Protein backbone atom coordinates (compact mmCIF):
# COMPACT_ATOMS: atom_id res chain seq x y z
CA MET A 1 57.53 -111.76 61.37
CA GLN A 2 58.08 -109.18 58.64
CA LYS A 3 55.77 -106.70 60.39
CA LYS A 4 57.89 -106.82 63.56
CA TRP A 5 61.05 -105.92 61.61
CA ILE A 6 59.37 -102.85 60.12
CA ASN A 7 58.26 -101.58 63.52
CA LEU A 8 61.77 -102.07 64.90
CA ILE A 9 63.31 -100.01 62.11
CA ASN A 10 60.85 -97.16 62.75
CA TRP A 11 61.74 -97.05 66.40
CA VAL A 12 65.45 -96.92 65.66
CA LEU A 13 64.99 -94.01 63.24
CA ALA A 14 62.93 -92.12 65.79
CA LEU A 15 65.65 -92.53 68.39
CA PHE A 16 68.28 -91.10 65.96
CA VAL A 17 66.12 -88.05 65.28
CA VAL A 18 65.62 -87.34 68.97
CA TRP A 19 69.35 -87.80 69.56
CA PHE A 20 70.33 -85.23 66.90
CA LEU A 21 67.78 -82.70 68.22
CA LEU A 22 69.26 -82.93 71.70
CA LEU A 23 72.79 -82.43 70.32
CA GLY A 24 71.67 -79.32 68.44
CA LEU A 25 70.06 -77.82 71.51
CA ILE A 26 73.16 -78.44 73.64
CA TYR A 27 75.40 -76.83 71.02
CA THR A 28 73.24 -73.73 70.82
CA LEU A 29 73.31 -73.20 74.57
CA ILE A 30 77.07 -73.50 74.63
CA ARG A 31 77.44 -70.85 71.84
CA VAL A 32 75.25 -68.26 73.64
CA ARG A 33 77.24 -68.54 76.84
CA GLN A 34 80.50 -67.93 74.95
CA PHE A 35 79.21 -64.62 73.38
CA ASN A 36 81.38 -61.60 74.38
CA GLN A 37 80.10 -58.04 73.63
CA GLU A 38 83.63 -56.66 73.73
CA ASP A 39 84.39 -58.47 70.50
CA PHE A 40 82.38 -55.73 68.68
CA VAL A 41 84.52 -52.65 68.03
CA SER A 42 82.68 -49.42 67.02
CA GLN A 43 84.08 -47.63 64.03
CA GLU A 44 83.55 -43.89 63.31
CA VAL A 45 81.90 -43.29 59.95
CA GLU A 46 83.15 -40.27 58.06
CA LEU A 47 81.03 -38.48 55.44
CA PRO A 48 82.50 -38.00 52.01
CA LEU A 49 84.03 -34.64 51.31
CA SER A 50 81.88 -32.10 49.38
CA VAL A 51 82.72 -31.52 45.77
CA VAL A 52 82.57 -27.74 46.32
CA LYS A 53 84.52 -26.68 49.32
CA THR A 54 82.78 -23.59 50.87
CA ASN A 55 82.77 -22.38 54.42
CA LEU A 56 79.57 -21.50 56.40
CA GLU A 57 79.99 -17.73 56.09
CA GLU A 58 80.03 -17.93 52.32
CA TYR A 59 76.81 -19.98 52.36
CA GLN A 60 75.09 -17.39 54.54
CA GLN A 61 76.03 -14.62 52.12
CA LEU A 62 74.13 -16.32 49.30
CA GLY A 63 70.68 -15.12 50.64
CA ASP A 64 67.36 -16.92 50.02
CA GLN A 65 67.53 -20.11 48.12
CA VAL A 66 65.47 -20.87 45.08
CA LEU A 67 63.72 -23.80 46.73
CA ASP A 68 63.08 -22.11 50.09
CA LEU A 69 59.46 -22.75 51.40
CA LEU A 70 57.24 -19.64 51.48
CA PHE A 71 54.49 -19.60 54.16
CA ILE A 72 51.35 -17.66 53.18
CA PRO A 73 48.48 -17.58 55.75
CA PRO A 74 45.03 -18.46 54.30
CA SER A 75 42.94 -15.41 53.26
CA MET A 76 39.14 -14.92 53.53
CA ARG A 77 37.09 -15.27 50.35
CA LEU A 78 33.62 -14.05 49.46
CA PRO A 79 30.92 -16.70 49.88
CA ASN A 80 28.82 -17.81 46.93
CA LEU A 81 25.35 -16.37 47.62
CA ARG A 82 23.98 -16.74 44.11
CA ASN A 83 21.90 -19.75 45.16
CA VAL A 84 21.18 -18.46 48.66
CA LEU A 85 19.50 -15.11 47.99
CA ILE A 86 16.09 -14.87 46.28
CA PHE A 87 14.78 -11.73 44.55
CA TYR A 88 11.01 -11.35 45.02
CA GLY A 89 10.66 -8.20 42.94
CA LYS A 90 10.05 -4.56 43.75
CA ASN A 91 7.28 -2.74 45.58
CA ASP A 92 4.53 -2.14 42.99
CA ARG A 93 2.20 -0.21 45.28
CA PRO A 94 0.82 2.94 43.64
CA ASP A 95 2.59 5.06 46.26
CA ALA A 96 5.98 3.41 45.77
CA LEU A 97 8.90 5.74 45.06
CA LEU A 98 9.70 5.32 41.38
CA GLU A 99 13.28 6.54 41.66
CA LYS A 100 14.10 4.28 44.64
CA PRO A 101 11.56 1.48 45.01
CA LEU A 102 11.73 -1.07 47.79
CA LEU A 103 13.30 -4.35 46.65
CA HIS A 104 12.24 -7.57 48.37
CA PHE A 105 14.68 -10.43 49.09
CA GLY A 106 14.42 -13.81 50.74
CA LEU A 107 16.76 -16.64 51.70
CA THR A 108 16.64 -20.24 50.60
CA GLY A 109 14.95 -22.32 53.28
CA SER A 110 13.70 -19.29 55.21
CA LYS A 111 10.35 -17.47 55.34
CA ASP A 112 11.98 -14.17 56.31
CA ILE A 113 11.77 -11.32 53.82
CA ALA A 114 13.94 -8.21 53.79
CA SER A 115 12.89 -5.02 52.00
CA ILE A 116 15.54 -2.46 51.17
CA LEU A 117 15.77 0.66 49.04
CA SER A 118 17.78 0.53 45.87
CA GLY A 119 21.45 1.05 46.79
CA GLU A 120 20.87 0.40 50.50
CA ARG A 121 22.86 -2.23 52.44
CA GLN A 122 21.25 -5.36 53.82
CA TYR A 123 23.42 -7.09 56.43
CA LEU A 124 23.64 -10.87 56.79
CA LEU A 125 24.60 -13.34 59.49
CA PHE A 126 26.04 -16.83 59.15
CA GLU A 127 24.60 -19.23 61.69
CA GLN A 128 26.99 -22.06 62.58
CA GLU A 129 24.14 -24.27 63.67
CA GLY A 130 22.60 -25.50 60.48
CA ALA A 131 25.24 -23.73 58.38
CA LYS A 132 22.77 -21.21 56.97
CA TYR A 133 22.49 -17.49 56.41
CA ALA A 134 19.99 -15.12 58.03
CA PHE A 135 19.07 -11.46 57.77
CA SER A 136 20.54 -9.32 60.53
CA SER A 137 17.93 -8.38 63.14
CA GLY A 138 16.99 -4.76 62.66
CA ASN A 139 19.54 -4.69 59.83
CA SER A 140 22.31 -4.15 62.37
CA PRO A 141 25.78 -3.90 60.76
CA THR A 142 27.75 -7.14 60.39
CA GLU A 143 30.87 -8.23 58.47
CA LEU A 144 28.78 -9.44 55.50
CA TRP A 145 26.27 -7.45 53.44
CA PHE A 146 24.90 -6.87 49.96
CA GLU A 147 23.61 -3.90 48.02
CA ALA A 148 21.03 -4.16 45.24
CA THR A 149 19.87 -2.05 42.33
CA LEU A 150 17.11 -2.72 39.81
CA ASN A 151 18.15 -3.68 36.29
CA GLU A 152 14.97 -4.05 34.23
CA GLU A 153 13.35 -7.23 35.63
CA ASN A 154 16.49 -8.42 37.46
CA ALA A 155 18.27 -7.32 40.60
CA LEU A 156 21.98 -6.49 40.34
CA LEU A 157 23.71 -7.40 43.61
CA ARG A 158 27.09 -6.28 44.94
CA LEU A 159 28.51 -8.32 47.82
CA GLY A 160 30.72 -6.90 50.55
CA MET A 161 32.65 -8.48 53.44
CA ILE A 162 35.24 -7.38 56.04
CA ASP A 163 38.01 -9.79 57.14
CA ASP A 164 39.50 -10.21 60.63
CA GLU A 165 41.91 -7.33 60.06
CA GLY A 166 39.18 -4.94 58.94
CA GLU A 167 40.14 -5.11 55.27
CA LEU A 168 37.56 -5.33 52.49
CA VAL A 169 37.38 -8.75 50.84
CA THR A 170 37.05 -8.52 47.05
CA GLU A 171 37.92 -12.01 45.80
CA PRO A 172 36.78 -13.95 43.91
CA LYS A 173 35.44 -11.32 41.55
CA GLU A 174 32.70 -13.53 40.09
CA ARG A 175 31.10 -13.68 43.55
CA ARG A 176 31.35 -9.96 44.21
CA GLU A 177 28.77 -8.90 41.60
CA PHE A 178 25.96 -10.98 40.14
CA SER A 179 22.32 -10.65 39.07
CA LEU A 180 19.21 -12.47 40.26
CA PRO A 181 15.99 -12.96 38.26
CA GLU A 182 12.67 -12.08 39.84
CA ARG A 183 10.74 -14.90 41.46
CA ARG A 184 7.08 -14.44 42.35
CA LEU A 185 6.39 -14.44 46.06
CA VAL A 186 3.79 -17.08 46.93
CA ARG A 187 2.22 -16.72 50.36
CA THR A 188 1.18 -20.14 51.61
CA SER A 189 -0.39 -18.61 54.70
CA MET A 190 -1.89 -15.23 55.48
CA GLY A 191 -1.81 -15.80 59.21
CA ASP A 192 1.02 -13.32 59.77
CA TRP A 193 -0.73 -10.49 57.93
CA GLU A 194 -3.57 -8.75 59.71
CA ILE A 195 -5.58 -5.57 59.30
CA GLY A 196 -7.00 -4.50 62.61
CA GLN A 197 -8.53 -7.57 64.20
CA TRP A 198 -9.02 -9.39 60.89
CA LYS A 199 -6.66 -11.83 59.24
CA VAL A 200 -6.19 -11.05 55.58
CA ASP A 201 -7.83 -13.35 53.06
CA ALA A 202 -10.42 -13.14 50.27
CA THR A 203 -13.27 -12.74 52.79
CA LEU A 204 -11.83 -9.66 54.52
CA LEU A 205 -14.43 -7.16 53.23
CA SER A 206 -17.28 -9.49 54.12
CA ARG A 207 -15.99 -9.81 57.70
CA GLN A 208 -15.67 -6.03 57.89
CA LYS A 209 -19.40 -5.80 57.01
CA ALA A 210 -18.73 -3.93 53.77
CA ARG A 211 -21.79 -3.13 51.62
CA TRP A 212 -21.54 -1.57 48.18
CA PHE A 213 -24.75 0.27 47.36
CA GLY A 214 -23.66 2.20 44.24
CA SER A 215 -23.82 5.95 43.72
CA ASP A 216 -25.48 7.98 46.45
CA LEU A 217 -28.28 9.48 44.37
CA PHE A 218 -29.48 11.57 47.29
CA LEU A 219 -26.15 13.40 47.55
CA ASP A 220 -25.90 13.59 43.75
CA ARG A 221 -29.18 15.47 43.74
CA HIS A 222 -29.18 17.44 46.98
CA GLY A 223 -25.61 17.40 48.25
CA GLY A 224 -24.47 20.59 46.57
CA PRO A 225 -20.88 21.92 46.87
CA THR A 226 -20.48 20.49 50.38
CA TYR A 227 -20.57 16.93 49.04
CA GLU A 228 -19.09 17.62 45.62
CA GLU A 229 -16.32 15.04 46.10
CA SER A 230 -18.90 12.28 46.61
CA ILE A 231 -20.99 13.03 43.53
CA GLY A 232 -20.79 10.33 40.86
CA LYS A 233 -18.73 7.97 43.02
CA GLN A 234 -19.59 4.55 44.38
CA GLY A 235 -20.56 4.38 48.03
CA ILE A 236 -19.30 1.61 50.32
CA GLU A 237 -20.58 1.28 53.85
CA PHE A 238 -18.54 -0.43 56.58
CA GLY A 239 -19.45 -1.58 60.06
CA GLU A 240 -22.63 -2.33 61.94
CA GLU A 241 -25.16 -0.32 63.90
CA GLY A 242 -23.54 2.21 66.16
CA ASP A 243 -20.26 2.18 64.26
CA VAL A 244 -21.10 2.70 60.59
CA TYR A 245 -19.12 4.85 58.17
CA THR A 246 -19.20 5.37 54.41
CA VAL A 247 -16.53 6.00 51.79
CA PHE A 248 -17.01 7.09 48.18
CA VAL A 249 -14.64 5.82 45.50
CA LYS A 250 -14.14 5.42 41.78
CA VAL A 251 -11.72 3.37 39.67
CA GLY A 252 -8.14 4.26 40.60
CA ASP A 253 -8.97 5.60 44.06
CA ALA A 254 -7.10 4.26 47.07
CA LEU A 255 -7.89 3.82 50.75
CA ILE A 256 -5.52 3.35 53.67
CA TRP A 257 -6.23 1.50 56.90
CA ASN A 258 -5.48 4.10 59.57
CA GLY A 259 -5.74 1.61 62.41
CA GLU A 260 -9.49 1.97 62.95
CA ARG A 261 -11.18 2.38 59.56
CA TRP A 262 -10.65 2.79 55.82
CA GLN A 263 -9.88 6.32 54.71
CA VAL A 264 -9.81 7.63 51.13
CA MET A 265 -6.42 9.17 50.38
CA THR A 266 -4.41 9.94 47.27
CA PRO A 267 -1.39 7.59 46.98
CA GLY A 268 1.78 9.42 47.93
CA PRO A 269 4.18 10.01 50.81
CA ASP A 270 1.29 10.19 53.31
CA THR A 271 0.07 6.67 52.43
CA ILE A 272 3.44 4.92 52.72
CA GLY A 273 3.59 2.47 55.59
CA TYR A 274 -0.16 1.77 55.67
CA PRO A 275 -2.12 -1.15 54.20
CA LEU A 276 -3.44 0.13 50.87
CA LEU A 277 -6.75 -0.81 49.19
CA VAL A 278 -6.91 0.19 45.51
CA VAL A 279 -10.06 0.15 43.35
CA LYS A 280 -9.06 -1.62 40.12
CA LYS A 281 -12.34 -2.34 38.34
CA ILE A 282 -16.07 -1.64 38.66
CA THR A 283 -18.70 -3.55 36.72
CA GLU A 284 -22.47 -3.58 37.08
CA ARG A 285 -22.37 -6.15 39.85
CA VAL A 286 -18.76 -6.53 41.07
CA MET A 287 -16.11 -4.13 42.38
CA THR A 288 -12.53 -5.45 42.33
CA PHE A 289 -9.76 -4.28 44.67
CA GLU A 290 -6.04 -4.84 45.16
CA LEU A 291 -5.01 -4.99 48.81
CA TRP A 292 -1.32 -4.33 49.51
CA ASP A 293 0.45 -4.87 52.79
CA ALA A 294 2.27 -1.94 54.39
CA GLU A 295 5.63 -2.73 52.75
CA GLY A 296 4.33 -3.80 49.35
CA LYS A 297 5.56 -7.37 49.82
CA ALA A 298 2.27 -9.07 49.01
CA LYS A 299 -0.97 -8.32 47.20
CA VAL A 300 -4.42 -9.89 47.57
CA ILE A 301 -7.33 -9.54 45.13
CA LEU A 302 -10.68 -8.77 46.79
CA ASN A 303 -14.15 -8.64 45.25
CA LEU A 304 -17.28 -6.93 46.56
CA ILE A 305 -20.77 -7.76 45.28
CA LYS A 306 -23.24 -4.91 44.87
CA SER A 307 -26.11 -4.92 47.34
CA SER A 308 -29.64 -4.97 45.96
CA ASP A 309 -32.48 -2.94 47.45
CA ARG A 310 -35.71 -2.65 45.47
CA LEU A 311 -38.12 0.26 45.60
CA PHE A 312 -41.88 -0.12 45.88
CA ALA A 313 -43.13 3.37 45.04
CA GLN A 314 -46.68 2.24 44.36
CA LYS A 315 -46.94 0.60 47.76
CA VAL A 316 -45.51 3.70 49.45
CA ALA A 317 -48.05 5.95 47.71
CA SER A 318 -50.86 3.87 49.16
CA ASP A 319 -49.70 4.81 52.68
CA PHE A 320 -50.76 8.45 52.09
CA LYS A 321 -54.45 9.39 51.95
CA PHE A 322 -55.28 13.02 51.28
CA PHE A 323 -57.52 14.54 53.95
CA GLY A 324 -57.66 18.19 52.92
CA ALA A 325 -55.78 21.48 52.54
CA ARG A 326 -54.96 23.44 55.67
CA THR A 327 -53.40 26.32 53.69
CA ARG A 328 -52.31 26.70 50.11
CA SER A 329 -48.88 25.31 51.10
CA GLN A 330 -49.89 22.86 53.81
CA PHE A 331 -51.83 19.66 53.24
CA VAL A 332 -53.27 17.25 55.70
CA PHE A 333 -52.74 13.55 55.01
CA GLU A 334 -53.67 10.47 56.88
CA VAL A 335 -50.53 8.35 57.02
CA LYS A 336 -51.09 4.85 58.37
CA GLY A 337 -53.94 6.02 60.58
CA GLU A 338 -52.31 9.26 61.81
CA ARG A 339 -52.89 12.76 60.44
CA MET A 340 -49.83 14.68 59.31
CA ILE A 341 -49.37 18.14 57.80
CA ILE A 342 -47.15 17.94 54.73
CA ARG A 343 -45.76 20.72 52.58
CA VAL A 344 -43.31 21.01 49.72
CA GLY A 345 -39.72 20.46 50.89
CA ASP A 346 -40.55 18.07 53.71
CA TRP A 347 -38.41 15.00 54.28
CA LEU A 348 -40.36 11.96 55.39
CA PHE A 349 -38.36 9.09 56.79
CA LEU A 350 -39.61 5.52 57.16
CA GLN A 351 -38.45 4.11 60.47
CA ASP A 352 -39.74 0.95 62.12
CA GLY A 353 -42.68 0.86 59.71
CA ALA A 354 -43.82 4.44 60.50
CA TRP A 355 -43.31 7.68 58.57
CA LYS A 356 -41.92 10.67 60.45
CA LYS A 357 -40.64 14.07 59.49
CA LEU A 358 -36.95 14.86 59.78
CA ILE A 359 -37.10 18.24 61.49
CA THR A 360 -34.16 18.89 63.78
CA PRO A 361 -30.62 19.62 62.53
CA GLU A 362 -29.45 16.46 64.28
CA GLU A 363 -31.96 14.33 62.38
CA ILE A 364 -31.00 15.94 59.08
CA ASP A 365 -27.27 15.43 59.72
CA ASN A 366 -27.77 11.84 60.80
CA TYR A 367 -29.53 11.02 57.56
CA VAL A 368 -27.12 12.91 55.31
CA ASN A 369 -24.14 11.23 57.01
CA ARG A 370 -25.86 7.82 56.82
CA ARG A 371 -26.21 7.37 60.54
CA LEU A 372 -29.93 6.96 59.83
CA ASN A 373 -30.61 4.20 57.33
CA GLY A 374 -34.05 3.88 55.84
CA MET A 375 -36.35 4.91 53.02
CA LEU A 376 -36.74 8.67 52.45
CA LEU A 377 -39.51 10.57 50.66
CA VAL A 378 -38.70 14.15 49.63
CA ILE A 379 -41.79 16.22 48.77
CA ASP A 380 -40.84 18.19 45.64
CA GLU A 381 -43.94 20.05 44.37
CA VAL A 382 -47.66 20.09 43.74
CA VAL A 383 -48.72 19.81 40.09
CA ARG A 384 -52.02 19.66 38.24
CA LYS A 385 -52.80 16.76 35.93
CA ASP A 386 -56.17 16.32 34.24
CA ASP A 387 -57.75 18.90 36.55
CA LYS A 388 -56.45 17.02 39.54
CA GLN A 389 -53.79 18.10 41.97
CA ILE A 390 -50.92 15.68 42.48
CA LEU A 391 -48.34 15.78 45.25
CA VAL A 392 -45.04 14.82 43.59
CA GLY A 393 -42.06 13.51 45.52
CA THR A 394 -38.86 11.51 45.11
CA LEU A 395 -38.46 8.22 46.93
CA PHE A 396 -34.95 7.03 47.87
CA ASN A 397 -34.25 3.47 48.96
CA ALA A 398 -32.40 2.80 52.21
CA ALA A 399 -29.05 2.54 50.41
CA ARG A 400 -29.80 5.75 48.45
CA SER A 401 -28.64 3.93 45.34
CA GLN A 402 -32.07 4.07 43.71
CA MET A 403 -34.65 6.81 43.42
CA GLU A 404 -38.06 6.92 41.88
CA ALA A 405 -40.66 9.61 41.33
CA ILE A 406 -43.81 9.10 43.35
CA GLU A 407 -47.21 10.73 42.79
CA ILE A 408 -49.76 10.99 45.56
CA PRO A 409 -53.24 12.03 44.37
CA MET A 410 -55.08 14.81 46.19
CA LEU A 411 -58.55 13.79 45.00
CA SER A 412 -60.64 16.05 47.24
CA SER A 413 -58.44 19.12 47.03
CA ILE A 414 -60.40 21.09 44.41
CA ALA A 415 -63.82 20.64 46.05
CA THR A 416 -62.57 21.30 49.54
CA THR A 417 -60.63 24.41 48.56
CA GLN A 418 -63.43 25.78 46.38
CA GLN A 419 -65.99 25.31 49.15
CA THR A 420 -63.73 27.01 51.66
CA LEU A 421 -63.12 29.95 49.31
CA GLU A 422 -66.83 30.45 48.69
CA GLU A 423 -67.52 30.48 52.43
CA LYS A 424 -64.81 33.08 53.06
CA GLY A 425 -65.49 35.31 50.02
CA GLU A 426 -68.24 37.82 49.39
CA ASP A 427 -70.44 38.06 46.23
CA GLY A 428 -68.57 35.16 44.69
CA GLU A 429 -65.29 37.07 44.59
CA THR A 430 -62.12 35.29 45.52
CA PRO A 431 -60.66 36.83 48.67
CA ASP A 432 -57.01 37.84 48.98
CA PHE A 433 -54.89 35.51 51.13
CA ASN A 434 -51.34 34.40 51.42
CA ASP A 435 -49.91 30.89 51.25
CA ASP A 436 -50.12 30.43 55.00
CA GLU A 437 -53.75 31.58 55.40
CA ASP A 438 -55.75 28.91 57.19
CA LEU A 439 -58.29 27.34 54.81
CA SER A 440 -59.12 24.36 56.99
CA PRO A 441 -62.32 23.75 58.97
CA PRO A 442 -62.14 24.40 62.75
CA GLU A 443 -62.09 20.68 63.55
CA TRP A 444 -58.67 20.38 61.85
CA ASP A 445 -57.06 22.49 64.56
CA GLU A 446 -56.30 19.29 66.44
CA VAL A 447 -53.80 18.32 63.74
CA GLU A 448 -50.31 19.13 65.00
CA GLU A 449 -48.70 21.91 63.01
CA MET A 450 -44.98 21.88 62.33
CA ASP A 451 -44.17 25.36 61.09
CA ASP A 452 -41.33 26.27 63.42
CA TYR A 453 -38.49 24.66 61.46
CA PRO A 454 -34.98 25.82 62.35
CA GLU A 455 -33.40 28.35 60.07
CA MET A 456 -30.84 25.79 58.95
CA ILE A 457 -33.57 23.48 57.64
CA GLU A 458 -35.11 26.32 55.67
CA ARG A 459 -31.79 27.12 54.04
CA PHE A 460 -31.29 23.47 53.16
CA ARG A 461 -34.74 23.31 51.56
CA GLU A 462 -34.10 26.49 49.64
CA ARG A 463 -30.94 24.92 48.27
CA ILE A 464 -32.97 21.89 47.19
CA ARG A 465 -35.42 24.12 45.31
CA MET A 466 -32.57 26.03 43.68
CA ASP A 467 -30.94 22.78 42.59
CA ARG A 468 -34.16 21.65 40.92
CA ARG A 469 -34.42 24.90 38.98
């Protein structure tokens, strides 16, 4: 019973709430409909009067105000290139100009290298893509450049730039002039540096078929004034058969690559712009070089090992067997099964295992100029030792870096000559004859005689005899 009364009260209260909400809604609608816009009257608002009464003309006569805004367009400023440019040092080639050496510069993040003379301008470009700097192609003029001079071990740089109006930009001053320390240039690859058809590396001389044979003892002894510049120097041979050439150098000498071969030349204006090979050190077994590129940007150390070529004078002497004397100046020998007339001053050349005389001017020139490579025996004189005649000569190895005296016995010479003299003389008296009188038996006539040497060969032999005296 009590529960029913409570529910009834709740329903009554709910009805009262709904009733009041409806009354409020009806009242609001009635108020909106009665709203009249004309009830609002606009009123003009007047500003307060100024404390200082001044007309417009008087204000205009005052001029610029203290707090007027001043518009200044932005100006161009020098970029900070202290951490962009790299100084790789100067050109240390022996032929570099001391008063104005080439200075080498690089850019951070770039493999390009620019070489400029001291005080010369190097122009730069700013590439928008990647926001990086680059050297101007062909050093064509641009709005940005730098000049450099050498200050002891550092490079003193002066930056320059032109703005849009063609005026020189000089601010900020700390960016206009600055110095850079030298940083050693390290080449990670030699692929972009070539000499002829060969890429430059430590094996360059080996690939050029270079052979160091030492001093040319043949020219030292027989060269005379014609080859005076080669005397006492070290000989290096380049190339292979058919294209062989030789240079003679000492410590401090330099060679340029002229496009086809190495050429000895004194460092100076004529060597600038060529790859330069400088002899730095010579020991008993190793010759050390410095190889510079054409601009002096990079240097490579090269070594050349001395070639070895042993002499076997005793074995060579066994090739010659004395057969007899044809005249007092001509001797017949059997050389490896063939008879040969030999006299003082002859040059005997070992080629393909056989000895032959060098007779013609062409043969002589080919040997002297190293176009003929092989062992050479120069017949110097005939001497008497222990009542025996000995044919004395000098043996040169193929490289002409070694020479050795060789003695060839003429064991039957005394008996043969004495018998021939007795047959030709009367009453035991020695007949008169000259050096070319034939003392040989008739059967020796089949031996080929080589008396008709060209006049040039005779002069060359005479020079050899004079040199020995």
